[in-house]
Protein backbone atom coordinates (compact mmCIF):
# COMPACT_ATOMS: atom_id res chain seq x y z
CA MET A 1 -4.98 -23.18 -2.39
CA ALA A 2 -5.09 -20.91 -5.41
CA ASP A 3 -6.52 -20.43 -8.85
CA TYR A 4 -3.49 -21.88 -10.51
CA ALA A 5 -3.76 -25.34 -11.92
CA PHE A 6 -0.80 -25.57 -14.39
CA CYS A 7 2.89 -25.11 -14.16
CA PRO A 8 4.19 -21.91 -15.82
CA ARG A 9 7.33 -23.74 -16.93
CA CYS A 10 6.13 -26.99 -18.50
CA GLY A 11 2.33 -26.96 -18.34
CA GLY A 12 2.11 -29.90 -16.00
CA ALA A 13 -0.51 -30.15 -13.29
CA LEU A 14 0.12 -28.35 -9.97
CA ASP A 15 -0.56 -30.10 -6.69
CA ASN A 16 -0.49 -28.90 -3.10
CA ARG A 17 2.49 -30.39 -1.18
CA LEU A 18 4.07 -29.95 2.11
CA ILE A 19 7.76 -29.45 1.20
CA LYS A 20 9.15 -28.52 4.58
CA GLN A 21 7.65 -29.08 8.02
CA GLY A 22 6.48 -25.85 9.61
CA GLU A 23 5.92 -24.06 6.29
CA PRO A 24 2.67 -23.78 4.31
CA GLU A 25 1.85 -26.11 1.53
CA ARG A 26 3.25 -25.12 -1.81
CA LEU A 27 2.02 -25.66 -5.37
CA VAL A 28 4.39 -28.12 -7.02
CA CYS A 29 4.41 -29.39 -10.61
CA GLY A 30 3.92 -33.10 -10.94
CA GLY A 31 5.99 -33.04 -14.11
CA CYS A 32 9.14 -30.90 -13.68
CA GLN A 33 8.86 -30.45 -9.86
CA PHE A 34 8.81 -26.64 -10.16
CA VAL A 35 7.69 -24.98 -6.90
CA PHE A 36 5.22 -22.16 -7.55
CA TYR A 37 5.68 -19.75 -4.63
CA LEU A 38 2.65 -17.56 -4.01
CA ASP A 39 4.44 -14.65 -2.32
CA PRO A 40 2.75 -11.37 -1.51
CA LYS A 41 2.89 -8.44 -4.02
CA LEU A 42 4.68 -5.32 -2.91
CA ALA A 43 2.77 -2.01 -2.96
CA ALA A 44 3.87 1.48 -1.99
CA GLY A 45 1.99 4.54 -0.92
CA GLU A 46 2.29 7.74 1.02
CA VAL A 47 0.34 9.84 3.45
CA VAL A 48 0.43 13.17 1.59
CA GLU A 49 0.36 16.26 3.80
CA THR A 50 -1.05 19.55 2.55
CA GLU A 51 -1.85 22.72 4.41
CA ALA A 52 -5.51 21.62 4.53
CA GLY A 53 -4.80 18.10 5.77
CA ILE A 54 -4.12 14.63 4.43
CA VAL A 55 -4.95 13.74 0.84
CA LEU A 56 -7.23 10.74 0.52
CA VAL A 57 -8.58 9.09 -2.68
CA GLN A 58 -12.07 7.52 -2.87
CA ARG A 59 -11.55 4.30 -4.85
CA ALA A 60 -13.29 3.87 -8.18
CA ILE A 61 -12.06 0.26 -8.50
CA ASP A 62 -12.52 -2.97 -6.62
CA PRO A 63 -11.73 -4.14 -4.13
CA GLN A 64 -13.31 -1.70 -1.68
CA TYR A 65 -15.00 0.49 -4.36
CA GLY A 66 -16.11 3.81 -2.84
CA LYS A 67 -13.86 3.60 0.25
CA TRP A 68 -11.06 6.00 1.12
CA VAL A 69 -7.25 5.36 0.95
CA PHE A 70 -4.08 7.36 0.69
CA PRO A 71 -2.54 7.24 -2.79
CA GLY A 72 -0.68 3.99 -3.39
CA GLY A 73 -0.43 0.96 -5.62
CA TYR A 74 1.72 -1.88 -6.86
CA VAL A 75 5.43 -1.53 -7.32
CA ASP A 76 6.44 -2.39 -10.89
CA ARG A 77 9.31 -4.72 -11.71
CA GLY A 78 12.56 -2.84 -11.45
CA GLU A 79 10.97 0.16 -9.68
CA HIS A 80 12.02 1.35 -6.24
CA PRO A 81 9.14 1.61 -3.71
CA GLU A 82 9.88 5.34 -3.26
CA ALA A 83 9.46 5.97 -6.99
CA ALA A 84 6.29 3.95 -7.01
CA ALA A 85 4.82 5.99 -4.15
CA VAL A 86 5.57 9.23 -5.96
CA ARG A 87 4.16 7.89 -9.24
CA GLU A 88 0.96 6.65 -7.56
CA ALA A 89 0.33 10.07 -5.94
CA ALA A 90 0.46 11.66 -9.39
CA GLU A 91 -1.62 8.94 -11.06
CA GLU A 92 -4.30 8.69 -8.40
CA ALA A 93 -4.54 12.16 -6.86
CA GLY A 94 -2.86 14.51 -9.38
CA VAL A 95 -0.29 15.69 -6.83
CA ASP A 96 3.45 15.88 -6.96
CA VAL A 97 5.04 14.92 -3.69
CA ALA A 98 8.35 15.09 -1.91
CA LEU A 99 8.85 12.08 0.37
CA GLU A 100 9.93 12.85 3.92
CA GLY A 101 10.68 9.43 5.28
CA LEU A 102 9.32 6.00 5.93
CA LEU A 103 6.12 5.73 7.97
CA GLY A 104 6.01 1.95 8.13
CA VAL A 105 5.57 -1.42 6.42
CA TYR A 106 2.16 -3.04 6.75
CA ALA A 107 0.61 -6.37 5.99
CA ALA A 108 -2.81 -7.44 7.22
CA PRO A 109 -4.58 -9.75 7.66
CA ILE A 110 -2.34 -12.76 7.95
CA GLY A 111 -2.02 -14.30 4.51
CA SER A 112 -2.77 -11.03 2.75
CA PRO A 113 -1.56 -10.96 -0.89
CA VAL A 114 -0.09 -7.48 -0.41
CA VAL A 115 2.63 -5.88 1.71
CA ILE A 116 2.65 -2.08 1.54
CA VAL A 117 5.54 0.26 2.20
CA VAL A 118 4.11 3.61 3.37
CA TYR A 119 6.00 6.87 3.32
CA ARG A 120 5.25 10.33 4.67
CA GLY A 121 5.20 13.04 1.99
CA ARG A 122 4.14 16.57 1.30
CA MET A 123 2.51 18.05 -1.74
CA VAL A 124 4.95 20.18 -3.75
CA GLY A 125 2.92 20.58 -6.99
CA GLY A 126 -0.22 19.76 -8.81
CA ALA A 127 -3.67 20.02 -7.27
CA PRO A 128 -5.68 17.21 -5.64
CA ARG A 129 -8.19 15.88 -8.15
CA ALA A 130 -9.98 12.67 -9.10
CA LEU A 131 -8.36 10.77 -11.87
CA ASP A 132 -8.89 7.37 -13.56
CA GLU A 133 -8.97 5.16 -10.46
CA SER A 134 -10.72 7.63 -8.12
CA LEU A 135 -14.27 8.83 -7.54
CA ALA A 136 -13.14 11.79 -5.52
CA VAL A 137 -10.06 13.28 -3.84
CA ALA A 138 -10.26 15.18 -0.61
CA GLU A 139 -8.06 16.73 2.06
CA PHE A 140 -8.90 15.67 5.60
CA PRO A 141 -7.61 17.26 8.75
CA ALA A 142 -6.24 14.55 11.04
CA ALA A 143 -9.15 15.12 13.45
CA ARG A 144 -11.71 14.43 10.69
CA LEU A 145 -10.35 11.33 8.99
CA PRO A 146 -13.23 9.07 7.77
CA TRP A 147 -12.10 6.11 9.97
CA ASP A 148 -15.30 4.09 9.28
CA GLU A 149 -14.98 4.51 5.53
CA LEU A 150 -11.36 3.50 5.09
CA ALA A 151 -10.70 0.73 2.58
CA PHE A 152 -8.16 -1.58 4.16
CA PRO A 153 -6.72 -2.62 7.58
CA THR A 154 -3.37 -1.37 6.32
CA THR A 155 -4.91 1.97 5.50
CA ARG A 156 -6.19 2.29 9.07
CA ALA A 157 -2.94 1.09 10.62
CA ALA A 158 -0.74 3.53 8.57
CA LEU A 159 -3.03 6.53 9.32
CA ARG A 160 -3.10 5.62 13.04
CA ASP A 161 0.74 5.62 13.02
CA TYR A 162 0.77 8.95 11.10
CA VAL A 163 -1.66 10.61 13.54
CA ALA A 164 0.31 9.27 16.56
CA ALA A 165 3.65 10.40 15.09
CA THR A 166 2.39 13.87 14.24
CA ALA A 167 0.66 14.37 17.54
CA ALA A 168 3.77 13.44 19.56
CA PRO A 169 5.70 16.49 20.84
CA ARG A 170 8.74 17.31 18.84
CA PRO A 171 12.02 16.51 20.71
CA ARG A 172 13.87 19.65 21.70
CA ARG A 173 17.25 20.51 20.26
CA PRO A 174 19.96 21.11 22.83
CA ASP A 175 20.06 24.86 21.98
CA GLU A 176 16.29 25.26 22.62
CA ARG A 177 14.87 26.30 26.01
């Protein structure tokens, strides 16, 4: 099931057990009966809009080295996903962003170890540039997104949703003709 063999509480051996019908097997300690839940890790990111397009980062780390993603990463303990998204944009792309709402929550494929909360945001400072975890940073117009070079299924899904949302006509206000 996983690379874990020993209990984090008592050091006893972990075994796969079916605890409840209809749920996946869990790692359970043979000594203290501790159940080691392997839940997904929460990540946050944002589709950053600039006048030139959408900021994408070319990954300089595995997995998916060399592929393109929007800025994002793991949420730290005690950190709100919105704060993590803003932090990741600065750390990965050198841009300061103002979040403009939730784009969506994505998890793929089934059993993925990551669930990502994706926001829409706009650049309000800094300048897009490659930093520690990126080979390059570029601004892509929506019509020229590198679909075949995107890193993850969640990246594709979020960008599809973004493109669909921005292409949809804006609802008219009652005072507009």
